[in-house]
Amino acid sequence: MESLINSIKGINKKILIAVAAAVILIMGVSVVSMHKTVVIAHDGQEVEVSTFSNTVGAILRKQGIEIREEDKVLPGINEKIEDGARIIVSRAFEIKLIDQGEEKTILTAEENLTDLLKSLDIQLEEDDKIEPDLDSPLTAGATVKIIRVAEEYLVENQEIPYQTIVKYSDSLEHGKSQKVQEGTKGLKEVKLRIVYEDGIEVGREIVDEKVYQEAVNEIVEKGTLNYLVTSRGEVTRYKKVLTMSASAYDAGYESTGKNPGDPYYGLTRSGTKVRPGVVAVDPKVIPLGTKLYIESTDGTSSYGYASAEDTGSAIKGNKIDLFFENRSDALRFGRRTVKVYVLE
């Protein structure tokens, strides 16, 4: 009986030793599994640390790294950490934020504008503007400006102003005028698109309009009896007007029979030098030295003011020859009917 008891005691002792060994082994394995090596990147440096801590926050506190509310930590403070993990601490910096004209200074650790807006829960509408661009990196001291853009449509009635048309009449004395048609304003409905930036109007455009009543122009006649209104709107008094056949010439041999070097080359019958505005006439019809105005009758540009200083063998009677500097211009003019005003 005693030997049986001793045998049982021996067996129990072995079991206890085995259990103790197993517990020690398990505890060792657990301790090894709880140990981690992680890298912490912060404030421009990277540090590798060994730790038994389970969360990011616990590891940072153990290392004496203070985290402000505005700083950004990846993974998050409450995240569990694995062996070989990397913890990144981005320090917050100051930027200036202007939203709808309201300016404030904020702390942020975000790297770009998209993340900044998300962190601040700021929503941009489709037409809103932001400076700089959303993909621009954020740096300390940066200014971010958000411009809120809105638009509205307005329908209003508008008057259509009438124009005053001036017509010249040689049946009225110069200096007198008369209204031959009253002007009346028109009426139209206009749809406007108005754009606002931060509540201030920055533009408007007409997107549609409907005319209910057309404007009627006022017509006024002004007297030009014995007065000429030139193509430039100048009013000049004249003594008489002649309808004449006009040709054109230049100083070259084809027109004058003289070449450069001839003592009479480029000189008029009056002894003056030919130039634009000099014309050849029949002195029996228009005396030399007479001031003229040559007006086109076919809608082309008028020759304008001229001086009768030259003659020509073919210029007889109701004919006039107009000087041009270039042979090509003279040929282009050809022969036309003109009105010749003899000026006072």
C-alpha atoms as a PDB file:
ATOM      1  CA  MET A   1       0.000   0.000   0.000  1.00  0.00           C
ATOM      2  CA  GLU A   2       2.784   2.390   0.901  1.00  0.00           C
ATOM      3  CA  SER A   3       4.628   1.563  -2.282  1.00  0.00           C
ATOM      4  CA  LEU A   4       1.485   2.386  -4.316  1.00  0.00           C
ATOM      5  CA  ILE A   5       1.187   5.753  -2.620  1.00  0.00           C
ATOM      6  CA  ASN A   6       4.826   6.506  -3.355  1.00  0.00           C
ATOM      7  CA  SER A   7       4.314   5.563  -7.011  1.00  0.00           C
ATOM      8  CA  ILE A   8       1.340   7.934  -7.294  1.00  0.00           C
ATOM      9  CA  LYS A   9       3.339  10.728  -5.700  1.00  0.00           C
ATOM     10  CA  GLY A  10       6.130  10.158  -8.215  1.00  0.00           C
ATOM     11  CA  ILE A  11       3.697  10.348 -11.117  1.00  0.00           C
ATOM     12  CA  ASN A  12       2.108  13.577  -9.802  1.00  0.00           C
ATOM     13  CA  LYS A  13       5.489  15.175  -9.399  1.00  0.00           C
ATOM     14  CA  LYS A  14       6.360  14.447 -13.020  1.00  0.00           C
ATOM     15  CA  ILE A  15       3.032  15.824 -14.178  1.00  0.00           C
ATOM     16  CA  LEU A  16       3.560  18.999 -12.206  1.00  0.00           C
ATOM     17  CA  ILE A  17       7.000  19.433 -13.671  1.00  0.00           C
ATOM     18  CA  ALA A  18       5.633  18.915 -17.188  1.00  0.00           C
ATOM     19  CA  VAL A  19       2.788  21.383 -16.621  1.00  0.00           C
ATOM     20  CA  ALA A  20       5.188  23.989 -15.239  1.00  0.00           C
ATOM     21  CA  ALA A  21       7.461  23.564 -18.206  1.00  0.00           C
ATOM     22  CA  ALA A  22       4.532  23.963 -20.576  1.00  0.00           C
ATOM     23  CA  VAL A  23       3.357  27.137 -18.807  1.00  0.00           C
ATOM     24  CA  ILE A  24       6.846  28.616 -18.980  1.00  0.00           C
ATOM     25  CA  LEU A  25       7.032  27.784 -22.681  1.00  0.00           C
ATOM     26  CA  ILE A  26       3.651  29.339 -23.406  1.00  0.00           C
ATOM     27  CA  MET A  27       4.540  32.461 -21.456  1.00  0.00           C
ATOM     28  CA  GLY A  28       7.786  32.768 -23.378  1.00  0.00           C
ATOM     29  CA  VAL A  29       6.019  32.425 -26.687  1.00  0.00           C
ATOM     30  CA  SER A  30       3.445  35.026 -25.598  1.00  0.00           C
ATOM     31  CA  VAL A  31       6.147  37.438 -24.524  1.00  0.00           C
ATOM     32  CA  VAL A  32       7.941  37.002 -27.848  1.00  0.00           C
ATOM     33  CA  SER A  33       4.691  37.542 -29.777  1.00  0.00           C
ATOM     34  CA  MET A  34       3.941  40.734 -27.850  1.00  0.00           C
ATOM     35  CA  HIS A  35       7.326  42.265 -28.694  1.00  0.00           C
ATOM     36  CA  LYS A  36       7.390  44.477 -31.811  1.00  0.00           C
ATOM     37  CA  THR A  37       9.889  46.527 -33.771  1.00  0.00           C
ATOM     38  CA  VAL A  38       8.406  49.629 -35.431  1.00  0.00           C
ATOM     39  CA  VAL A  39       9.737  52.740 -37.205  1.00  0.00           C
ATOM     40  CA  ILE A  40       8.532  56.189 -36.170  1.00  0.00           C
ATOM     41  CA  ALA A  41       8.951  59.050 -38.697  1.00  0.00           C
ATOM     42  CA  HIS A  42       8.523  62.461 -37.094  1.00  0.00           C
ATOM     43  CA  ASP A  43      10.001  65.944 -37.076  1.00  0.00           C
ATOM     44  CA  GLY A  44      12.371  65.158 -39.927  1.00  0.00           C
ATOM     45  CA  GLN A  45      13.818  61.994 -38.455  1.00  0.00           C
ATOM     46  CA  GLU A  46      13.156  58.251 -38.389  1.00  0.00           C
ATOM     47  CA  VAL A  47      13.583  56.155 -35.234  1.00  0.00           C
ATOM     48  CA  GLU A  48      13.361  52.357 -34.909  1.00  0.00           C
ATOM     49  CA  VAL A  49      12.018  51.260 -31.536  1.00  0.00           C
ATOM     50  CA  SER A  50      11.283  47.963 -29.791  1.00  0.00           C
ATOM     51  CA  THR A  51       8.060  47.883 -27.839  1.00  0.00           C
ATOM     52  CA  PHE A  52       5.482  45.708 -26.146  1.00  0.00           C
ATOM     53  CA  SER A  53       2.773  48.405 -26.599  1.00  0.00           C
ATOM     54  CA  ASN A  54      -0.248  47.446 -28.693  1.00  0.00           C
ATOM     55  CA  THR A  55      -1.493  50.811 -30.058  1.00  0.00           C
ATOM     56  CA  VAL A  56       0.043  53.733 -31.934  1.00  0.00           C
ATOM     57  CA  GLY A  57      -0.842  56.152 -29.151  1.00  0.00           C
ATOM     58  CA  ALA A  58       0.759  53.963 -26.480  1.00  0.00           C
ATOM     59  CA  ILE A  59       3.980  53.652 -28.481  1.00  0.00           C
ATOM     60  CA  LEU A  60       4.204  57.421 -29.066  1.00  0.00           C
ATOM     61  CA  ARG A  61       3.571  58.161 -25.389  1.00  0.00           C
ATOM     62  CA  LYS A  62       6.235  55.620 -24.409  1.00  0.00           C
ATOM     63  CA  GLN A  63       8.692  57.441 -26.668  1.00  0.00           C
ATOM     64  CA  GLY A  64       7.712  60.842 -25.254  1.00  0.00           C
ATOM     65  CA  ILE A  65       6.401  62.115 -28.600  1.00  0.00           C
ATOM     66  CA  GLU A  66       3.641  64.642 -27.974  1.00  0.00           C
ATOM     67  CA  ILE A  67       0.789  64.823 -30.443  1.00  0.00           C
ATOM     68  CA  ARG A  68      -1.403  67.909 -30.820  1.00  0.00           C
ATOM     69  CA  GLU A  69      -5.007  67.610 -31.873  1.00  0.00           C
ATOM     70  CA  GLU A  70      -4.212  69.177 -35.260  1.00  0.00           C
ATOM     71  CA  ASP A  71      -1.264  66.843 -35.997  1.00  0.00           C
ATOM     72  CA  LYS A  72      -1.859  63.928 -38.316  1.00  0.00           C
ATOM     73  CA  VAL A  73      -0.752  60.394 -37.383  1.00  0.00           C
ATOM     74  CA  LEU A  74      -0.852  57.364 -39.671  1.00  0.00           C
ATOM     75  CA  PRO A  75      -1.994  54.804 -38.665  1.00  0.00           C
ATOM     76  CA  GLY A  76      -4.462  56.506 -36.312  1.00  0.00           C
ATOM     77  CA  ILE A  77      -3.726  57.002 -32.623  1.00  0.00           C
ATOM     78  CA  ASN A  78      -6.100  54.216 -31.529  1.00  0.00           C
ATOM     79  CA  GLU A  79      -5.039  51.742 -34.206  1.00  0.00           C
ATOM     80  CA  LYS A  80      -3.386  48.503 -33.129  1.00  0.00           C
ATOM     81  CA  ILE A  81       0.145  48.117 -34.376  1.00  0.00           C
ATOM     82  CA  GLU A  82       1.876  45.125 -35.958  1.00  0.00           C
ATOM     83  CA  ASP A  83       5.514  44.141 -35.930  1.00  0.00           C
ATOM     84  CA  GLY A  84       7.480  45.954 -38.659  1.00  0.00           C
ATOM     85  CA  ALA A  85       4.890  48.732 -38.966  1.00  0.00           C
ATOM     86  CA  ARG A  86       5.741  52.360 -39.811  1.00  0.00           C
ATOM     87  CA  ILE A  87       4.209  55.257 -37.885  1.00  0.00           C
ATOM     88  CA  ILE A  88       4.219  58.663 -39.622  1.00  0.00           C
ATOM     89  CA  VAL A  89       3.662  61.868 -37.648  1.00  0.00           C
ATOM     90  CA  SER A  90       2.846  64.960 -39.760  1.00  0.00           C
ATOM     91  CA  ARG A  91       3.048  68.168 -37.770  1.00  0.00           C
ATOM     92  CA  ALA A  92       0.336  70.778 -38.233  1.00  0.00           C
ATOM     93  CA  PHE A  93       1.282  74.189 -39.638  1.00  0.00           C
ATOM     94  CA  GLU A  94      -0.502  77.508 -40.029  1.00  0.00           C
ATOM     95  CA  ILE A  95      -2.277  78.570 -43.220  1.00  0.00           C
ATOM     96  CA  LYS A  96      -4.657  81.411 -44.026  1.00  0.00           C
ATOM     97  CA  LEU A  97      -8.132  80.397 -45.203  1.00  0.00           C
ATOM     98  CA  ILE A  98     -10.451  82.905 -46.881  1.00  0.00           C
ATOM     99  CA  ASP A  99     -13.949  81.575 -47.485  1.00  0.00           C
ATOM    100  CA  GLN A 100     -16.620  83.911 -48.909  1.00  0.00           C
ATOM    101  CA  GLY A 101     -14.586  86.921 -47.802  1.00  0.00           C
ATOM    102  CA  GLU A 102     -14.149  85.686 -44.211  1.00  0.00           C
ATOM    103  CA  GLU A 103     -10.495  85.259 -43.294  1.00  0.00           C
ATOM    104  CA  LYS A 104      -9.100  83.041 -40.524  1.00  0.00           C
ATOM    105  CA  THR A 105      -5.874  81.300 -39.586  1.00  0.00           C
ATOM    106  CA  ILE A 106      -6.032  77.539 -39.090  1.00  0.00           C
ATOM    107  CA  LEU A 107      -3.677  74.692 -38.208  1.00  0.00           C
ATOM    108  CA  THR A 108      -3.567  71.725 -40.537  1.00  0.00           C
ATOM    109  CA  ALA A 109      -1.336  68.782 -41.351  1.00  0.00           C
ATOM    110  CA  GLU A 110      -2.986  67.976 -44.671  1.00  0.00           C
ATOM    111  CA  GLU A 111      -0.777  67.757 -47.735  1.00  0.00           C
ATOM    112  CA  ASN A 112      -3.136  69.168 -50.375  1.00  0.00           C
ATOM    113  CA  LEU A 113      -6.297  71.237 -50.738  1.00  0.00           C
ATOM    114  CA  THR A 114      -8.565  68.261 -51.425  1.00  0.00           C
ATOM    115  CA  ASP A 115      -7.662  66.655 -48.102  1.00  0.00           C
ATOM    116  CA  LEU A 116      -7.869  70.022 -46.327  1.00  0.00           C
ATOM    117  CA  LEU A 117     -11.450  70.630 -47.470  1.00  0.00           C
ATOM    118  CA  LYS A 118     -12.412  67.097 -46.485  1.00  0.00           C
ATOM    119  CA  SER A 119     -10.887  67.513 -43.022  1.00  0.00           C
ATOM    120  CA  LEU A 120     -12.750  70.795 -42.494  1.00  0.00           C
ATOM    121  CA  ASP A 121     -15.992  69.435 -44.019  1.00  0.00           C
ATOM    122  CA  ILE A 122     -16.049  72.282 -46.551  1.00  0.00           C
ATOM    123  CA  GLN A 123     -18.168  71.592 -49.634  1.00  0.00           C
ATOM    124  CA  LEU A 124     -17.546  73.215 -53.009  1.00  0.00           C
ATOM    125  CA  GLU A 125     -20.397  73.766 -55.446  1.00  0.00           C
ATOM    126  CA  GLU A 126     -19.864  73.171 -59.161  1.00  0.00           C
ATOM    127  CA  ASP A 127     -19.196  76.835 -60.052  1.00  0.00           C
ATOM    128  CA  ASP A 128     -17.235  77.777 -56.930  1.00  0.00           C
ATOM    129  CA  LYS A 129     -13.599  78.790 -57.392  1.00  0.00           C
ATOM    130  CA  ILE A 130     -10.585  77.955 -55.258  1.00  0.00           C
ATOM    131  CA  GLU A 131      -7.054  79.342 -55.328  1.00  0.00           C
ATOM    132  CA  PRO A 132      -4.656  77.639 -55.712  1.00  0.00           C
ATOM    133  CA  ASP A 133      -5.838  74.509 -57.561  1.00  0.00           C
ATOM    134  CA  LEU A 134      -7.168  71.547 -55.617  1.00  0.00           C
ATOM    135  CA  ASP A 135      -4.134  69.419 -56.430  1.00  0.00           C
ATOM    136  CA  SER A 136      -1.678  72.065 -55.222  1.00  0.00           C
ATOM    137  CA  PRO A 137       0.491  71.036 -52.233  1.00  0.00           C
ATOM    138  CA  LEU A 138      -0.048  72.837 -48.939  1.00  0.00           C
ATOM    139  CA  THR A 139       2.874  74.562 -47.232  1.00  0.00           C
ATOM    140  CA  ALA A 140       3.226  76.671 -44.106  1.00  0.00           C
ATOM    141  CA  GLY A 141       2.059  80.250 -44.598  1.00  0.00           C
ATOM    142  CA  ALA A 142      -0.029  79.440 -47.680  1.00  0.00           C
ATOM    143  CA  THR A 143      -3.218  81.361 -48.430  1.00  0.00           C
ATOM    144  CA  VAL A 144      -6.247  79.397 -49.607  1.00  0.00           C
ATOM    145  CA  LYS A 145      -9.075  81.446 -51.089  1.00  0.00           C
ATOM    146  CA  ILE A 146     -12.532  80.058 -51.776  1.00  0.00           C
ATOM    147  CA  ILE A 147     -14.838  82.182 -53.933  1.00  0.00           C
ATOM    148  CA  ARG A 148     -18.484  81.259 -53.781  1.00  0.00           C
ATOM    149  CA  VAL A 149     -20.112  81.677 -57.182  1.00  0.00           C
ATOM    150  CA  ALA A 150     -23.870  82.027 -57.581  1.00  0.00           C
ATOM    151  CA  GLU A 151     -26.133  83.050 -60.419  1.00  0.00           C
ATOM    152  CA  GLU A 152     -29.687  84.179 -60.856  1.00  0.00           C
ATOM    153  CA  TYR A 153     -31.959  84.913 -63.800  1.00  0.00           C
ATOM    154  CA  LEU A 154     -33.931  88.138 -64.064  1.00  0.00           C
ATOM    155  CA  VAL A 155     -36.621  89.054 -66.579  1.00  0.00           C
ATOM    156  CA  GLU A 156     -37.293  92.745 -67.163  1.00  0.00           C
ATOM    157  CA  ASN A 157     -38.793  95.040 -69.756  1.00  0.00           C
ATOM    158  CA  GLN A 158     -36.421  97.486 -71.429  1.00  0.00           C
ATOM    159  CA  GLU A 159     -36.937 100.415 -73.752  1.00  0.00           C
ATOM    160  CA  ILE A 160     -35.310 100.321 -77.163  1.00  0.00           C
ATOM    161  CA  PRO A 161     -33.908 103.785 -77.888  1.00  0.00           C
ATOM    162  CA  TYR A 162     -34.450 105.273 -81.295  1.00  0.00           C
ATOM    163  CA  GLN A 163     -31.703 106.763 -83.447  1.00  0.00           C
ATOM    164  CA  THR A 164     -31.691 110.215 -84.971  1.00  0.00           C
ATOM    165  CA  ILE A 165     -30.919 110.025 -88.678  1.00  0.00           C
ATOM    166  CA  VAL A 166     -29.643 113.228 -90.295  1.00  0.00           C
ATOM    167  CA  LYS A 167     -30.277 113.721 -94.000  1.00  0.00           C
ATOM    168  CA  TYR A 168     -28.921 116.639 -95.949  1.00  0.00           C
ATOM    169  CA  SER A 169     -31.176 118.457 -98.361  1.00  0.00           C
ATOM    170  CA  ASP A 170     -30.197 121.081-100.916  1.00  0.00           C
ATOM    171  CA  SER A 171     -33.805 122.256-100.957  1.00  0.00           C
ATOM    172  CA  LEU A 172     -33.277 123.844 -97.515  1.00  0.00           C
ATOM    173  CA  GLU A 173     -31.046 126.791 -96.783  1.00  0.00           C
ATOM    174  CA  HIS A 174     -27.854 126.002 -94.957  1.00  0.00           C
ATOM    175  CA  GLY A 175     -28.286 126.259 -91.184  1.00  0.00           C
ATOM    176  CA  LYS A 176     -31.956 125.338 -91.252  1.00  0.00           C
ATOM    177  CA  SER A 177     -33.377 121.950 -90.296  1.00  0.00           C
ATOM    178  CA  GLN A 178     -36.734 120.257 -90.073  1.00  0.00           C
ATOM    179  CA  LYS A 179     -37.990 117.051 -88.504  1.00  0.00           C
ATOM    180  CA  VAL A 180     -39.631 114.847 -91.088  1.00  0.00           C
ATOM    181  CA  GLN A 181     -40.295 111.825 -88.884  1.00  0.00           C
ATOM    182  CA  GLU A 182     -40.891 111.556 -85.145  1.00  0.00           C
ATOM    183  CA  GLY A 183     -38.833 109.006 -83.262  1.00  0.00           C
ATOM    184  CA  THR A 184     -40.548 106.549 -80.943  1.00  0.00           C
ATOM    185  CA  LYS A 185     -38.960 104.145 -78.470  1.00  0.00           C
ATOM    186  CA  GLY A 186     -39.450 100.409 -78.795  1.00  0.00           C
ATOM    187  CA  LEU A 187     -40.055  97.832 -76.071  1.00  0.00           C
ATOM    188  CA  LYS A 188     -38.488  94.439 -75.439  1.00  0.00           C
ATOM    189  CA  GLU A 189     -38.455  91.757 -72.760  1.00  0.00           C
ATOM    190  CA  VAL A 190     -34.949  90.759 -71.715  1.00  0.00           C
ATOM    191  CA  LYS A 191     -33.854  87.697 -69.746  1.00  0.00           C
ATOM    192  CA  LEU A 192     -30.609  88.341 -67.890  1.00  0.00           C
ATOM    193  CA  ARG A 193     -28.138  85.939 -66.302  1.00  0.00           C
ATOM    194  CA  ILE A 194     -26.439  87.628 -63.341  1.00  0.00           C
ATOM    195  CA  VAL A 195     -23.286  86.152 -61.780  1.00  0.00           C
ATOM    196  CA  TYR A 196     -22.180  86.859 -58.210  1.00  0.00           C
ATOM    197  CA  GLU A 197     -18.866  86.126 -56.531  1.00  0.00           C
ATOM    198  CA  ASP A 198     -19.036  86.166 -52.738  1.00  0.00           C
ATOM    199  CA  GLY A 199     -22.339  88.014 -53.011  1.00  0.00           C
ATOM    200  CA  ILE A 200     -20.992  90.769 -55.298  1.00  0.00           C
ATOM    201  CA  GLU A 201     -22.242  91.062 -58.875  1.00  0.00           C
ATOM    202  CA  VAL A 202     -19.383  90.494 -61.315  1.00  0.00           C
ATOM    203  CA  GLY A 203     -21.210  90.143 -64.598  1.00  0.00           C
ATOM    204  CA  ARG A 204     -24.488  89.978 -66.415  1.00  0.00           C
ATOM    205  CA  GLU A 205     -25.393  88.853 -69.887  1.00  0.00           C
ATOM    206  CA  ILE A 206     -28.496  88.716 -72.012  1.00  0.00           C
ATOM    207  CA  VAL A 207     -29.505  85.112 -72.602  1.00  0.00           C
ATOM    208  CA  ASP A 208     -32.790  85.810 -74.374  1.00  0.00           C
ATOM    209  CA  GLU A 209     -34.834  88.746 -75.551  1.00  0.00           C
ATOM    210  CA  LYS A 210     -38.199  89.248 -77.163  1.00  0.00           C
ATOM    211  CA  VAL A 211     -39.082  92.459 -79.014  1.00  0.00           C
ATOM    212  CA  TYR A 212     -42.663  93.604 -78.540  1.00  0.00           C
ATOM    213  CA  GLN A 213     -42.364  96.903 -80.374  1.00  0.00           C
ATOM    214  CA  GLU A 214     -39.618  98.052 -82.730  1.00  0.00           C
ATOM    215  CA  ALA A 215     -38.148 101.544 -82.331  1.00  0.00           C
ATOM    216  CA  VAL A 216     -38.900 104.090 -85.065  1.00  0.00           C
ATOM    217  CA  ASN A 217     -35.970 106.332 -85.928  1.00  0.00           C
ATOM    218  CA  GLU A 218     -36.256 110.098 -85.897  1.00  0.00           C
ATOM    219  CA  ILE A 219     -35.363 111.679 -89.233  1.00  0.00           C
ATOM    220  CA  VAL A 220     -34.099 115.242 -89.433  1.00  0.00           C
ATOM    221  CA  GLU A 221     -33.272 117.109 -92.616  1.00  0.00           C
ATOM    222  CA  LYS A 222     -30.565 119.761 -92.598  1.00  0.00           C
ATOM    223  CA  GLY A 223     -30.281 122.358 -95.321  1.00  0.00           C
ATOM    224  CA  THR A 224     -27.243 122.359 -97.611  1.00  0.00           C
ATOM    225  CA  LEU A 225     -28.406 124.795-100.293  1.00  0.00           C
ATOM    226  CA  ASN A 226     -25.174 125.881-102.010  1.00  0.00           C
ATOM    227  CA  TYR A 227     -23.265 123.903 -99.355  1.00  0.00           C
ATOM    228  CA  LEU A 228     -21.383 120.673 -99.885  1.00  0.00           C
ATOM    229  CA  VAL A 229     -21.178 117.955 -97.221  1.00  0.00           C
ATOM    230  CA  THR A 230     -17.952 116.020 -97.902  1.00  0.00           C
ATOM    231  CA  SER A 231     -17.417 112.315 -97.275  1.00  0.00           C
ATOM    232  CA  ARG A 232     -15.765 113.330 -93.986  1.00  0.00           C
ATOM    233  CA  GLY A 233     -18.800 115.299 -92.881  1.00  0.00           C
ATOM    234  CA  GLU A 234     -17.236 118.716 -93.566  1.00  0.00           C
ATOM    235  CA  VAL A 235     -19.587 121.435 -94.773  1.00  0.00           C
ATOM    236  CA  THR A 236     -18.168 123.656 -97.526  1.00  0.00           C
ATOM    237  CA  ARG A 237     -19.889 126.404 -99.506  1.00  0.00           C
ATOM    238  CA  TYR A 238     -19.705 126.204-103.301  1.00  0.00           C
ATOM    239  CA  LYS A 239     -20.646 128.490-106.166  1.00  0.00           C
ATOM    240  CA  LYS A 240     -21.683 125.913-108.713  1.00  0.00           C
ATOM    241  CA  VAL A 241     -21.494 122.231-109.482  1.00  0.00           C
ATOM    242  CA  LEU A 242     -20.556 120.591-112.801  1.00  0.00           C
ATOM    243  CA  THR A 243     -21.007 117.008-113.958  1.00  0.00           C
ATOM    244  CA  MET A 244     -17.836 116.098-115.818  1.00  0.00           C
ATOM    245  CA  SER A 245     -16.004 113.178-117.408  1.00  0.00           C
ATOM    246  CA  ALA A 246     -12.917 112.417-115.309  1.00  0.00           C
ATOM    247  CA  SER A 247      -9.724 110.613-116.319  1.00  0.00           C
ATOM    248  CA  ALA A 248      -6.509 110.070-114.399  1.00  0.00           C
ATOM    249  CA  TYR A 249      -2.809 110.711-115.022  1.00  0.00           C
ATOM    250  CA  ASP A 250       0.568 110.462-113.319  1.00  0.00           C
ATOM    251  CA  ALA A 251       3.922 112.209-113.834  1.00  0.00           C
ATOM    252  CA  GLY A 252       5.375 109.448-116.055  1.00  0.00           C
ATOM    253  CA  TYR A 253       6.067 109.464-119.780  1.00  0.00           C
ATOM    254  CA  GLU A 254       2.848 107.616-120.657  1.00  0.00           C
ATOM    255  CA  SER A 255       0.773 110.504-119.259  1.00  0.00           C
ATOM    256  CA  THR A 256       2.956 113.584-119.825  1.00  0.00           C
ATOM    257  CA  GLY A 257       5.502 112.600-122.482  1.00  0.00           C
ATOM    258  CA  LYS A 258       8.310 113.602-120.076  1.00  0.00           C
ATOM    259  CA  ASN A 259      10.902 111.493-118.247  1.00  0.00           C
ATOM    260  CA  PRO A 260      12.856 112.223-115.073  1.00  0.00           C
ATOM    261  CA  GLY A 261      15.663 114.608-115.972  1.00  0.00           C
ATOM    262  CA  ASP A 262      13.487 116.676-118.274  1.00  0.00           C
ATOM    263  CA  PRO A 263      13.439 120.239-116.868  1.00  0.00           C
ATOM    264  CA  TYR A 264       9.637 120.235-117.078  1.00  0.00           C
ATOM    265  CA  TYR A 265       9.171 116.779-115.549  1.00  0.00           C
ATOM    266  CA  GLY A 266       6.634 116.868-112.705  1.00  0.00           C
ATOM    267  CA  LEU A 267       5.658 120.519-113.264  1.00  0.00           C
ATOM    268  CA  THR A 268       2.136 121.767-113.933  1.00  0.00           C
ATOM    269  CA  ARG A 269       1.002 124.412-116.397  1.00  0.00           C
ATOM    270  CA  SER A 270       0.882 126.777-113.412  1.00  0.00           C
ATOM    271  CA  GLY A 271       4.543 126.039-112.624  1.00  0.00           C
ATOM    272  CA  THR A 272       3.774 124.125-109.461  1.00  0.00           C
ATOM    273  CA  LYS A 273       4.910 120.594-108.673  1.00  0.00           C
ATOM    274  CA  VAL A 274       2.366 117.880-109.339  1.00  0.00           C
ATOM    275  CA  ARG A 275       0.987 116.185-106.212  1.00  0.00           C
ATOM    276  CA  PRO A 276      -2.202 114.451-105.079  1.00  0.00           C
ATOM    277  CA  GLY A 277      -5.058 116.964-105.324  1.00  0.00           C
ATOM    278  CA  VAL A 278      -3.770 118.637-108.513  1.00  0.00           C
ATOM    279  CA  VAL A 279      -6.129 118.357-111.491  1.00  0.00           C
ATOM    280  CA  ALA A 280      -5.914 119.343-115.153  1.00  0.00           C
ATOM    281  CA  VAL A 281      -8.816 121.362-116.599  1.00  0.00           C
ATOM    282  CA  ASP A 282      -9.844 123.397-119.598  1.00  0.00           C
ATOM    283  CA  PRO A 283      -9.137 126.959-118.405  1.00  0.00           C
ATOM    284  CA  LYS A 284     -12.073 128.166-120.496  1.00  0.00           C
ATOM    285  CA  VAL A 285     -14.387 126.064-118.291  1.00  0.00           C
ATOM    286  CA  ILE A 286     -12.556 126.195-114.946  1.00  0.00           C
ATOM    287  CA  PRO A 287      -9.901 128.894-114.512  1.00  0.00           C
ATOM    288  CA  LEU A 288      -6.473 127.815-113.242  1.00  0.00           C
ATOM    289  CA  GLY A 289      -6.123 128.317-109.506  1.00  0.00           C
ATOM    290  CA  THR A 290      -9.775 127.406-108.789  1.00  0.00           C
ATOM    291  CA  LYS A 291     -10.382 125.359-105.646  1.00  0.00           C
ATOM    292  CA  LEU A 292     -12.568 122.315-106.264  1.00  0.00           C
ATOM    293  CA  TYR A 293     -14.105 119.297-104.627  1.00  0.00           C
ATOM    294  CA  ILE A 294     -14.375 116.136-106.756  1.00  0.00           C
ATOM    295  CA  GLU A 295     -17.228 113.820-105.727  1.00  0.00           C
ATOM    296  CA  SER A 296     -17.754 110.286-106.985  1.00  0.00           C
ATOM    297  CA  THR A 297     -21.152 109.436-108.477  1.00  0.00           C
ATOM    298  CA  ASP A 298     -20.789 105.629-108.566  1.00  0.00           C
ATOM    299  CA  GLY A 299     -20.397 104.878-104.859  1.00  0.00           C
ATOM    300  CA  THR A 300     -16.593 104.657-104.929  1.00  0.00           C
ATOM    301  CA  SER A 301     -14.386 106.898-102.796  1.00  0.00           C
ATOM    302  CA  SER A 302     -14.424 110.564-103.785  1.00  0.00           C
ATOM    303  CA  TYR A 303     -11.188 112.187-104.979  1.00  0.00           C
ATOM    304  CA  GLY A 304     -11.840 115.006-102.521  1.00  0.00           C
ATOM    305  CA  TYR A 305     -10.441 118.531-102.407  1.00  0.00           C
ATOM    306  CA  ALA A 306      -8.489 119.595-105.470  1.00  0.00           C
ATOM    307  CA  SER A 307      -6.823 122.572-107.126  1.00  0.00           C
ATOM    308  CA  ALA A 308      -6.997 123.375-110.867  1.00  0.00           C
ATOM    309  CA  GLU A 309      -3.280 123.889-111.676  1.00  0.00           C
ATOM    310  CA  ASP A 310      -2.658 121.895-114.867  1.00  0.00           C
ATOM    311  CA  THR A 311      -3.923 121.526-118.415  1.00  0.00           C
ATOM    312  CA  GLY A 312      -3.784 118.791-121.018  1.00  0.00           C
ATOM    313  CA  SER A 313      -4.088 118.600-124.791  1.00  0.00           C
ATOM    314  CA  ALA A 314      -6.999 116.142-124.467  1.00  0.00           C
ATOM    315  CA  ILE A 315      -8.696 118.018-121.625  1.00  0.00           C
ATOM    316  CA  LYS A 316     -11.164 120.205-123.426  1.00  0.00           C
ATOM    317  CA  GLY A 317     -14.646 121.286-122.489  1.00  0.00           C
ATOM    318  CA  ASN A 318     -16.445 119.290-119.834  1.00  0.00           C
ATOM    319  CA  LYS A 319     -13.448 117.076-118.951  1.00  0.00           C
ATOM    320  CA  ILE A 320     -11.110 116.890-115.967  1.00  0.00           C
ATOM    321  CA  ASP A 321      -7.891 114.921-115.368  1.00  0.00           C
ATOM    322  CA  LEU A 322      -7.008 113.835-111.796  1.00  0.00           C
ATOM    323  CA  PHE A 323      -3.381 113.351-110.700  1.00  0.00           C
ATOM    324  CA  PHE A 324      -2.282 110.127-108.953  1.00  0.00           C
ATOM    325  CA  GLU A 325       1.233 109.408-107.696  1.00  0.00           C
ATOM    326  CA  ASN A 326       1.238 105.826-108.967  1.00  0.00           C
ATOM    327  CA  ARG A 327       0.660 104.678-112.510  1.00  0.00           C
ATOM    328  CA  SER A 328      -1.294 101.654-111.226  1.00  0.00           C
ATOM    329  CA  ASP A 329      -3.704 103.919-109.282  1.00  0.00           C
ATOM    330  CA  ALA A 330      -4.263 106.069-112.356  1.00  0.00           C
ATOM    331  CA  LEU A 331      -5.002 103.046-114.534  1.00  0.00           C
ATOM    332  CA  ARG A 332      -7.310 101.621-111.865  1.00  0.00           C
ATOM    333  CA  PHE A 333      -9.314 104.862-111.828  1.00  0.00           C
ATOM    334  CA  GLY A 334      -9.839 104.755-115.609  1.00  0.00           C
ATOM    335  CA  ARG A 335     -12.599 107.080-116.720  1.00  0.00           C
ATOM    336  CA  ARG A 336     -15.635 107.978-114.628  1.00  0.00           C
ATOM    337  CA  THR A 337     -18.375 110.543-114.282  1.00  0.00           C
ATOM    338  CA  VAL A 338     -17.888 112.876-111.313  1.00  0.00           C
ATOM    339  CA  LYS A 339     -19.436 115.942-109.770  1.00  0.00           C
ATOM    340  CA  VAL A 340     -17.070 118.913-109.633  1.00  0.00           C
ATOM    341  CA  TYR A 341     -17.953 121.510-107.016  1.00  0.00           C
ATOM    342  CA  VAL A 342     -16.453 124.954-107.661  1.00  0.00           C
ATOM    343  CA  LEU A 343     -15.749 126.220-104.141  1.00  0.00           C
ATOM    344  CA  GLU A 344     -15.990 129.797-102.972  1.00  0.00           C
END
